[in-house]
Amino acid sequence: MGETKIRVAIAPIGWTNDDLPELGGEISFEQCVSEMALAGFVGSEVGNKYPKDPAVLNKALKLRGLTICNAWFSSFLTTKPYEEVEKAFITHRDFLYAVGARVIGAAEQGHSIQGLDKPVFDAKPVFTGEEWKRLCEGLNRLGKLAAEKGMQLTYHHHMGTGVQTAAEIDRLMENTDPDGLGLLYDTGHLVFSAEDHIAVLKKWIKRIRHVHLKDMRPPIREEAVKGKWSFLRAVKSGVFTVPGDGSVDFVPVFNELKAAGYEGWWVVEAEQDPAKANPLEYAILARSYIREKAGL
């Protein structure tokens, strides 16, 4: 595989945060995508300010040389009837297809505390055996629906949810269809969860079909653990940052992915308060770091 098979994108969450609308509330969609392009990125994920009409969104992206690569899907397979989740998924799938994305990033939100004022570690949900069964069977079915459009369903492990730890990622991967469900590998969530992100990368390299590059600031994580902070409080306090600005050495990550022949998107996805971390400045920092360390 040539390195050109990897494309570099950035998520809008550094400009405006879907979980914390007050962060970047004043920043427009147009400013966000213009600064992405100015920083040197060619792809974007979808944020809540993005136009819902595919024609309007596609025009705005084309003007700036950007492509939509993925968008978050909240599944509730452990807590809602499958049919309800499927209906929402098909709507989401069809919108993404219309704006050029071929990856769907799902995260199970049944029992999730990521948006609640609860300690992100102490109150973390743990699925029952029956919930695991519903989750894995449901994801297999959704994966087939994605494949109908030539799309790839990936699973986004996330802090404050039932699939956060390396052991939980293992259980999910071991009990789902390798063709129908890929892994959305996120460095920041693994490091925040105190997991070995390189071990997870090596173990599931053949299942990784989308990548989120997120760095972390350990002193803030330590405060979050000691103070029993919620996930959103940690985010607002700056626990995450872009590659090149935190504690994670991304060179081994880049090398493992390239050596394995990874094809697809690398997405800088680092939620911060834009009033404290200028989005354009940090986007340029991240893009320069990836160019320097990965040659991309």
Protein backbone atom coordinates (compact mmCIF):
# COMPACT_ATOMS: atom_id res chain seq x y z
CA MET A 1 0.00 0.00 0.00
CA GLY A 2 1.25 3.45 -0.83
CA GLU A 3 0.99 6.14 1.80
CA THR A 4 -1.47 7.96 -0.45
CA LYS A 5 -4.10 5.41 0.63
CA ILE A 6 -4.19 7.19 4.00
CA ARG A 7 -6.02 10.51 4.07
CA VAL A 8 -5.90 13.00 6.92
CA ALA A 9 -9.06 14.61 8.31
CA ILE A 10 -10.09 16.58 11.36
CA ALA A 11 -13.29 16.56 13.41
CA PRO A 12 -15.26 19.78 14.03
CA ILE A 13 -15.31 19.08 17.77
CA GLY A 14 -12.31 21.38 18.26
CA TRP A 15 -14.43 24.26 16.96
CA THR A 16 -17.89 23.41 18.29
CA ASN A 17 -18.70 20.59 20.69
CA ASP A 18 -21.88 18.57 20.20
CA ASP A 19 -21.89 17.36 23.82
CA LEU A 20 -21.14 20.83 25.22
CA PRO A 21 -22.86 23.31 22.87
CA GLU A 22 -21.56 26.24 24.91
CA LEU A 23 -18.04 25.39 23.72
CA GLY A 24 -17.66 27.20 20.42
CA GLY A 25 -21.30 28.18 20.29
CA GLU A 26 -20.37 31.38 18.48
CA ILE A 27 -18.27 29.65 15.79
CA SER A 28 -20.07 29.16 12.47
CA PHE A 29 -20.02 26.11 10.23
CA GLU A 30 -18.37 28.20 7.51
CA GLN A 31 -15.52 29.28 9.78
CA CYS A 32 -15.01 25.70 10.94
CA VAL A 33 -14.68 24.10 7.50
CA SER A 34 -12.70 27.02 6.08
CA GLU A 35 -10.12 26.72 8.85
CA MET A 36 -9.94 22.94 8.39
CA ALA A 37 -8.99 23.48 4.76
CA LEU A 38 -6.61 26.32 5.63
CA ALA A 39 -4.80 24.03 8.08
CA GLY A 40 -4.23 21.47 5.30
CA PHE A 41 -6.85 18.80 5.97
CA VAL A 42 -8.83 17.10 3.20
CA GLY A 43 -11.58 15.47 5.26
CA SER A 44 -14.03 16.20 8.04
CA GLU A 45 -16.45 14.38 10.28
CA VAL A 46 -19.93 15.86 10.82
CA GLY A 47 -20.87 18.31 13.55
CA ASN A 48 -24.24 19.57 14.73
CA LYS A 49 -23.90 22.87 12.83
CA TYR A 50 -23.35 21.18 9.49
CA PRO A 51 -26.16 21.60 6.93
CA LYS A 52 -28.63 18.69 6.98
CA ASP A 53 -29.30 19.02 3.24
CA PRO A 54 -26.68 16.93 1.39
CA ALA A 55 -26.66 19.28 -1.61
CA VAL A 56 -25.94 22.33 0.58
CA LEU A 57 -23.26 20.51 2.56
CA ASN A 58 -21.61 19.03 -0.53
CA LYS A 59 -21.37 22.47 -2.16
CA ALA A 60 -19.75 24.00 0.91
CA LEU A 61 -17.26 21.15 1.17
CA LYS A 62 -16.38 21.15 -2.52
CA LEU A 63 -15.52 24.86 -2.36
CA ARG A 64 -12.91 24.00 0.26
CA GLY A 65 -11.61 20.69 -1.11
CA LEU A 66 -13.05 18.69 1.79
CA THR A 67 -14.78 15.30 2.02
CA ILE A 68 -16.98 13.92 4.80
CA CYS A 69 -15.34 10.75 6.09
CA ASN A 70 -17.59 9.60 8.93
CA ALA A 71 -20.15 10.69 11.51
CA TRP A 72 -20.99 9.51 15.01
CA PHE A 73 -24.04 7.28 15.39
CA SER A 74 -25.56 6.76 18.84
CA SER A 75 -26.87 3.22 19.10
CA PHE A 76 -29.16 2.10 21.92
CA LEU A 77 -29.11 -1.63 21.26
CA THR A 78 -28.93 -2.48 24.99
CA THR A 79 -31.88 -0.31 26.01
CA LYS A 80 -34.24 0.17 23.04
CA PRO A 81 -36.02 -2.16 20.60
CA TYR A 82 -33.75 -3.10 17.70
CA GLU A 83 -36.30 -1.86 15.16
CA GLU A 84 -36.12 1.66 16.60
CA VAL A 85 -32.32 1.70 16.37
CA GLU A 86 -32.40 0.31 12.84
CA LYS A 87 -34.75 3.03 11.62
CA ALA A 88 -32.45 5.76 12.96
CA PHE A 89 -29.41 3.98 11.55
CA ILE A 90 -30.83 3.79 8.02
CA THR A 91 -31.57 7.53 8.06
CA HIS A 92 -28.04 8.22 9.28
CA ARG A 93 -26.51 5.81 6.75
CA ASP A 94 -28.34 7.33 3.81
CA PHE A 95 -27.36 10.89 4.77
CA LEU A 96 -23.71 9.90 5.12
CA TYR A 97 -23.75 8.09 1.80
CA ALA A 98 -25.19 11.18 0.11
CA VAL A 99 -22.35 13.36 1.42
CA GLY A 100 -19.63 10.96 0.35
CA ALA A 101 -18.76 9.12 3.55
CA ARG A 102 -18.20 5.38 3.43
CA VAL A 103 -17.59 4.84 7.15
CA ILE A 104 -20.13 4.95 10.00
CA GLY A 105 -18.84 5.25 13.56
CA ALA A 106 -21.25 3.77 16.07
CA ALA A 107 -21.02 4.00 19.86
CA GLU A 108 -23.46 2.29 22.20
CA GLN A 109 -25.20 4.89 24.35
CA GLY A 110 -27.36 2.54 26.37
CA HIS A 111 -26.50 3.35 30.03
CA SER A 112 -23.78 5.78 28.89
CA ILE A 113 -22.67 8.43 31.41
CA GLN A 114 -20.44 10.38 29.02
CA GLY A 115 -22.87 13.30 28.99
CA LEU A 116 -23.92 13.07 32.64
CA ASP A 117 -22.56 14.73 35.77
CA LYS A 118 -21.23 11.45 37.16
CA PRO A 119 -17.67 10.25 37.87
CA VAL A 120 -16.40 8.92 34.55
CA PHE A 121 -14.64 5.95 36.16
CA ASP A 122 -16.70 5.12 39.25
CA ALA A 123 -20.08 5.32 37.48
CA LYS A 124 -19.02 3.64 34.25
CA PRO A 125 -21.70 1.19 33.02
CA VAL A 126 -21.02 -2.54 32.81
CA PHE A 127 -23.22 -4.58 30.49
CA THR A 128 -24.96 -7.77 31.54
CA GLY A 129 -24.56 -10.93 29.48
CA GLU A 130 -27.94 -10.33 27.88
CA GLU A 131 -26.99 -6.75 27.00
CA TRP A 132 -23.76 -7.93 25.39
CA LYS A 133 -25.77 -10.39 23.32
CA ARG A 134 -28.17 -7.67 22.16
CA LEU A 135 -25.30 -5.32 21.38
CA CYS A 136 -23.27 -7.80 19.33
CA GLU A 137 -26.25 -9.22 17.45
CA GLY A 138 -27.57 -5.73 16.75
CA LEU A 139 -24.23 -4.47 15.47
CA ASN A 140 -23.96 -7.47 13.17
CA ARG A 141 -27.34 -6.58 11.68
CA LEU A 142 -26.44 -2.90 11.33
CA GLY A 143 -23.17 -3.91 9.68
CA LYS A 144 -25.11 -5.72 6.97
CA LEU A 145 -27.25 -2.63 6.40
CA ALA A 146 -24.10 -0.54 6.00
CA ALA A 147 -22.71 -3.07 3.52
CA GLU A 148 -25.83 -2.69 1.37
CA LYS A 149 -24.49 0.75 0.46
CA GLY A 150 -20.87 -0.37 0.22
CA MET A 151 -20.20 1.24 3.60
CA GLN A 152 -18.23 0.05 6.62
CA LEU A 153 -19.66 0.06 10.14
CA THR A 154 -17.03 0.72 12.81
CA TYR A 155 -17.32 0.74 16.58
CA HIS A 156 -16.07 3.73 18.58
CA HIS A 157 -14.96 2.67 22.08
CA HIS A 158 -15.53 5.63 24.42
CA MET A 159 -15.03 6.82 27.97
CA GLY A 160 -18.10 6.51 30.17
CA THR A 161 -19.71 3.75 28.12
CA GLY A 162 -20.01 -0.02 28.28
CA VAL A 163 -17.23 -0.48 25.73
CA GLN A 164 -14.31 1.51 27.11
CA THR A 165 -11.60 -0.88 28.29
CA ALA A 166 -9.30 -3.17 26.33
CA ALA A 167 -11.15 -6.19 27.76
CA GLU A 168 -14.48 -4.77 26.61
CA ILE A 169 -13.08 -4.08 23.14
CA ASP A 170 -11.85 -7.68 23.04
CA ARG A 171 -15.28 -9.01 23.97
CA LEU A 172 -16.98 -6.89 21.32
CA MET A 173 -14.56 -7.84 18.55
CA GLU A 174 -14.59 -11.52 19.48
CA ASN A 175 -18.38 -11.71 19.32
CA THR A 176 -19.09 -9.75 16.15
CA ASP A 177 -18.68 -10.39 12.43
CA PRO A 178 -15.16 -9.36 11.30
CA ASP A 179 -16.48 -8.39 7.88
CA GLY A 180 -19.47 -6.43 9.11
CA LEU A 181 -17.95 -4.57 12.06
CA GLY A 182 -14.61 -2.82 12.17
CA LEU A 183 -12.96 -1.00 15.05
CA LEU A 184 -12.73 2.77 15.25
CA TYR A 185 -9.42 3.05 17.08
CA ASP A 186 -9.14 6.12 19.32
CA THR A 187 -5.79 6.77 21.02
CA GLY A 188 -7.12 9.35 23.46
CA HIS A 189 -9.91 7.26 24.92
CA LEU A 190 -7.59 4.30 25.46
CA VAL A 191 -4.92 6.41 27.16
CA PHE A 192 -7.51 8.19 29.33
CA SER A 193 -8.86 4.77 30.33
CA ALA A 194 -5.29 3.71 31.32
CA GLU A 195 -5.17 1.02 28.64
CA ASP A 196 -2.16 0.03 26.54
CA HIS A 197 -3.15 1.70 23.27
CA ILE A 198 -0.32 0.06 21.33
CA ALA A 199 -1.32 -3.42 22.54
CA VAL A 200 -4.91 -2.81 21.41
CA LEU A 201 -3.62 -1.51 18.08
CA LYS A 202 -1.48 -4.59 17.47
CA LYS A 203 -4.15 -7.05 18.60
CA TRP A 204 -6.95 -5.66 16.44
CA ILE A 205 -4.97 -4.12 13.58
CA LYS A 206 -6.87 -6.17 10.97
CA ARG A 207 -10.19 -4.90 12.31
CA ILE A 208 -9.21 -1.21 12.50
CA ARG A 209 -11.00 0.66 9.71
CA HIS A 210 -11.07 4.21 11.04
CA VAL A 211 -8.65 6.07 13.31
CA HIS A 212 -9.08 8.96 15.73
CA LEU A 213 -5.85 10.69 16.70
CA LYS A 214 -6.31 12.30 20.11
CA ASP A 215 -3.60 13.32 22.58
CA MET A 216 -3.91 13.67 26.36
CA ARG A 217 -2.60 15.86 29.16
CA PRO A 218 -1.74 13.52 32.12
CA PRO A 219 -1.84 16.16 34.89
CA ILE A 220 -5.46 16.93 34.07
CA ARG A 221 -6.31 13.24 33.90
CA GLU A 222 -4.82 12.82 37.39
CA GLU A 223 -7.04 15.63 38.66
CA ALA A 224 -10.06 14.03 37.00
CA VAL A 225 -9.38 10.69 38.70
CA LYS A 226 -8.71 12.16 42.14
CA GLY A 227 -11.60 14.59 41.96
CA LYS A 228 -14.02 12.01 40.54
CA TRP A 229 -14.81 14.30 37.63
CA SER A 230 -17.38 13.65 34.93
CA PHE A 231 -16.17 13.09 31.37
CA LEU A 232 -17.42 16.49 30.26
CA ARG A 233 -15.71 18.28 33.14
CA ALA A 234 -12.45 16.64 32.13
CA VAL A 235 -12.97 17.75 28.54
CA LYS A 236 -13.74 21.35 29.56
CA SER A 237 -10.65 21.33 31.75
CA GLY A 238 -8.46 20.32 28.80
CA VAL A 239 -7.73 16.63 29.32
CA PHE A 240 -7.55 16.14 25.55
CA THR A 241 -5.47 17.93 22.95
CA VAL A 242 -4.20 17.41 19.41
CA PRO A 243 -1.32 15.09 18.45
CA GLY A 244 1.99 16.71 19.24
CA ASP A 245 0.73 18.66 22.23
CA GLY A 246 0.25 15.96 24.88
CA SER A 247 1.92 12.85 26.28
CA VAL A 248 1.24 10.32 23.51
CA ASP A 249 4.06 9.34 21.16
CA PHE A 250 2.21 8.77 17.90
CA VAL A 251 5.21 7.52 15.91
CA PRO A 252 4.63 3.85 16.93
CA VAL A 253 0.93 4.26 16.09
CA PHE A 254 1.72 5.68 12.65
CA ASN A 255 4.34 3.00 11.97
CA GLU A 256 2.08 0.09 12.99
CA LEU A 257 -0.79 1.32 10.83
CA LYS A 258 1.39 1.91 7.78
CA ALA A 259 3.22 -1.41 8.17
CA ALA A 260 -0.13 -3.24 8.34
CA GLY A 261 -1.25 -1.66 5.08
CA TYR A 262 -3.99 0.42 6.66
CA GLU A 263 -6.15 2.20 4.10
CA GLY A 264 -8.56 4.91 5.12
CA TRP A 265 -8.78 8.00 7.26
CA TRP A 266 -6.73 9.32 10.13
CA VAL A 267 -8.86 11.88 11.92
CA VAL A 268 -7.58 14.45 14.40
CA GLU A 269 -10.35 14.45 16.99
CA ALA A 270 -9.48 16.40 20.10
CA GLU A 271 -12.26 18.21 21.92
CA GLN A 272 -11.11 21.36 23.70
CA ASP A 273 -12.57 24.68 24.73
CA PRO A 274 -11.94 26.90 21.68
CA ALA A 275 -11.78 29.94 23.97
CA LYS A 276 -8.67 28.41 25.53
CA ALA A 277 -7.29 26.51 22.52
CA ASN A 278 -7.65 28.43 19.26
CA PRO A 279 -9.02 25.84 16.80
CA LEU A 280 -7.05 27.00 13.77
CA GLU A 281 -3.80 27.19 15.73
CA TYR A 282 -4.22 23.68 17.11
CA ALA A 283 -5.35 22.30 13.73
CA ILE A 284 -2.16 23.64 12.13
CA LEU A 285 -0.09 22.22 14.99
CA ALA A 286 -1.65 18.78 14.52
CA ARG A 287 -1.29 18.82 10.74
CA SER A 288 2.37 19.81 10.99
CA TYR A 289 3.04 17.06 13.53
CA ILE A 290 1.47 14.37 11.33
CA ARG A 291 3.38 15.62 8.31
CA GLU A 292 6.65 15.56 10.25
CA LYS A 293 6.21 12.25 12.07
CA ALA A 294 4.29 10.21 9.47
CA GLY A 295 5.36 11.83 6.24
CA LEU A 296 1.72 12.42 5.29
